[in-house]
Amino acid sequence: MNPRPEGIDLAARSRARRRALQALYAWQIGGSRMHAVIEQFRHEQDMEVADLEYFEDLLNGIERHVAVIDEAIKPYVDREVEQIDPIERAALRLATYELKYRPDVPYRVIINEAIEVTKRFGADHGHSYVNGVLDKLAGVLRSAEKRH
């Protein structure tokens, strides 16, 4: 399997995920419509080096499927999804969306990126929590891929 799919800038995707985490945080805290949050972030300078199309896909997809995403997360967390720290919740929603709806992205990449953004923006040990939840979830959503 080709580790770098043709035409995909992995660094730009990584930046898109970081910005998506921040946008999700803003969406969760502020209660604005997702299109308004996307519009606000679209005009920030560092979005020029991010994969804007991927950024928008992530955010629009999460907004559209948030109930399904939260339901998928629920069995693997120790509290209601809404009670999870907002950064950890955003990372879990982002990664769960990718695990469920972006089979073109390897599950190991998804989990690693979620851990990295949580380390960068979350609480001291939040990344361990996110890793534990996503590892179990990947076992269900990507069972065939995880076996190989």
Protein backbone atom coordinates (compact mmCIF):
# COMPACT_ATOMS: atom_id res chain seq x y z
CA MET A 1 0.00 0.00 0.00
CA ASN A 2 1.30 3.43 -0.91
CA PRO A 3 1.88 5.38 2.34
CA ARG A 4 1.45 8.71 0.56
CA PRO A 5 -1.57 8.69 -1.76
CA GLU A 6 -0.99 10.54 -5.01
CA GLY A 7 -1.61 14.26 -4.82
CA ILE A 8 -2.15 14.48 -1.06
CA ASP A 9 -0.02 16.91 0.94
CA LEU A 10 0.19 15.18 4.32
CA ALA A 11 1.52 18.27 6.11
CA ALA A 12 -1.40 20.35 4.78
CA ARG A 13 -3.82 17.64 5.97
CA SER A 14 -2.20 17.66 9.38
CA ARG A 15 -2.60 21.44 9.59
CA ALA A 16 -6.22 21.07 8.46
CA ARG A 17 -6.84 18.66 11.36
CA ARG A 18 -5.24 21.05 13.86
CA ARG A 19 -7.36 23.93 12.64
CA ALA A 20 -10.44 21.67 12.53
CA LEU A 21 -9.89 20.78 16.19
CA GLN A 22 -9.80 24.47 17.06
CA ALA A 23 -12.88 25.16 14.94
CA LEU A 24 -14.74 22.25 16.59
CA TYR A 25 -13.81 23.63 19.98
CA ALA A 26 -15.24 27.03 18.96
CA TRP A 27 -18.37 25.37 17.57
CA GLN A 28 -18.92 23.32 20.73
CA ILE A 29 -18.36 26.26 23.08
CA GLY A 30 -19.94 29.06 21.05
CA GLY A 31 -22.98 27.33 19.65
CA SER A 32 -22.62 29.04 16.27
CA ARG A 33 -23.62 27.35 13.03
CA MET A 34 -20.76 25.38 11.53
CA HIS A 35 -20.76 27.40 8.29
CA ALA A 36 -20.11 30.57 10.34
CA VAL A 37 -17.22 28.91 12.17
CA ILE A 38 -15.75 27.68 8.87
CA GLU A 39 -16.06 31.16 7.38
CA GLN A 40 -14.30 32.68 10.39
CA PHE A 41 -11.40 30.21 10.15
CA ARG A 42 -11.17 30.35 6.35
CA HIS A 43 -9.85 33.90 6.51
CA GLU A 44 -7.05 33.25 8.99
CA GLN A 45 -3.53 33.49 7.60
CA ASP A 46 -2.33 29.96 8.38
CA MET A 47 -5.27 28.43 6.51
CA GLU A 48 -3.32 29.20 3.33
CA VAL A 49 -1.01 26.27 4.11
CA ALA A 50 -3.76 23.90 5.25
CA ASP A 51 -5.86 21.59 3.10
CA LEU A 52 -8.95 23.79 3.08
CA GLU A 53 -11.09 21.23 1.27
CA TYR A 54 -10.27 18.57 3.86
CA PHE A 55 -10.83 21.06 6.71
CA GLU A 56 -14.32 21.84 5.40
CA ASP A 57 -15.12 18.16 4.78
CA LEU A 58 -14.22 17.31 8.37
CA LEU A 59 -16.28 20.09 9.90
CA ASN A 60 -19.33 19.76 7.67
CA GLY A 61 -19.25 15.98 8.09
CA ILE A 62 -19.04 16.20 11.86
CA GLU A 63 -21.91 18.67 12.02
CA ARG A 64 -24.03 16.45 9.74
CA HIS A 65 -23.24 13.22 11.63
CA VAL A 66 -22.62 14.44 15.19
CA ALA A 67 -25.38 12.26 16.70
CA VAL A 68 -24.03 9.12 14.97
CA ILE A 69 -20.46 10.05 15.95
CA ASP A 70 -21.39 10.61 19.60
CA GLU A 71 -23.31 7.33 19.65
CA ALA A 72 -20.22 5.53 18.31
CA ILE A 73 -18.03 7.10 21.02
CA LYS A 74 -20.48 6.49 23.89
CA PRO A 75 -19.67 2.81 24.68
CA TYR A 76 -15.97 3.62 25.10
CA VAL A 77 -16.12 6.62 27.42
CA ASP A 78 -16.68 6.84 31.16
CA ARG A 79 -19.16 9.74 31.06
CA GLU A 80 -21.65 11.42 28.78
CA VAL A 81 -20.01 12.73 25.61
CA GLU A 82 -21.06 16.30 26.45
CA GLN A 83 -19.21 16.04 29.79
CA ILE A 84 -15.85 15.19 28.18
CA ASP A 85 -13.30 18.00 28.19
CA PRO A 86 -14.06 20.14 25.08
CA ILE A 87 -10.63 19.60 23.48
CA GLU A 88 -10.76 15.84 24.05
CA ARG A 89 -14.37 15.76 22.79
CA ALA A 90 -13.35 17.66 19.65
CA ALA A 91 -10.43 15.27 19.06
CA LEU A 92 -12.68 12.24 19.57
CA ARG A 93 -15.35 13.60 17.21
CA LEU A 94 -12.77 14.49 14.59
CA ALA A 95 -11.08 11.09 14.69
CA THR A 96 -14.36 9.18 14.88
CA TYR A 97 -15.60 10.99 11.80
CA GLU A 98 -12.44 10.00 9.94
CA LEU A 99 -12.59 6.40 11.17
CA LYS A 100 -16.21 6.07 10.12
CA TYR A 101 -16.47 8.19 6.97
CA ARG A 102 -12.93 8.49 5.56
CA PRO A 103 -11.76 4.94 4.81
CA ASP A 104 -9.11 6.46 2.54
CA VAL A 105 -7.19 7.55 5.65
CA PRO A 106 -5.39 4.75 7.54
CA TYR A 107 -6.64 4.29 11.09
CA ARG A 108 -3.09 4.59 12.50
CA VAL A 109 -2.74 8.04 10.92
CA ILE A 110 -6.09 9.09 12.38
CA ILE A 111 -5.23 7.94 15.90
CA ASN A 112 -1.72 9.41 15.78
CA GLU A 113 -3.01 12.78 14.58
CA ALA A 114 -5.70 12.80 17.31
CA ILE A 115 -3.07 12.09 19.96
CA GLU A 116 -0.80 14.85 18.62
CA VAL A 117 -3.51 17.54 18.53
CA THR A 118 -4.66 16.55 22.01
CA LYS A 119 -1.09 16.77 23.32
CA ARG A 120 -0.77 20.20 21.75
CA PHE A 121 -4.08 21.71 22.86
CA GLY A 122 -5.49 19.50 25.61
CA ALA A 123 -4.89 18.73 29.26
CA ASP A 124 -1.71 16.96 30.43
CA HIS A 125 -2.97 13.40 30.10
CA GLY A 126 -5.87 13.99 27.73
CA HIS A 127 -4.01 12.29 24.90
CA SER A 128 -3.92 9.01 26.87
CA TYR A 129 -7.69 9.13 27.28
CA VAL A 130 -8.20 9.90 23.57
CA ASN A 131 -5.79 7.11 22.58
CA GLY A 132 -7.60 4.53 24.72
CA VAL A 133 -11.03 5.42 23.35
CA LEU A 134 -9.90 5.55 19.72
CA ASP A 135 -7.98 2.30 19.92
CA LYS A 136 -11.14 0.49 21.03
CA LEU A 137 -13.29 2.32 18.49
CA ALA A 138 -10.88 1.52 15.65
CA GLY A 139 -11.16 -2.14 16.62
CA VAL A 140 -14.86 -1.92 15.78
CA LEU A 141 -14.97 0.59 12.90
CA ARG A 142 -11.77 -0.60 11.20
CA SER A 143 -11.61 -4.22 12.36
CA ALA A 144 -10.48 -5.60 8.98
CA GLU A 145 -7.79 -2.95 8.60
CA LYS A 146 -6.63 -3.36 12.21
CA ARG A 147 -6.15 -7.13 11.78
CA HIS A 148 -3.56 -6.58 9.01
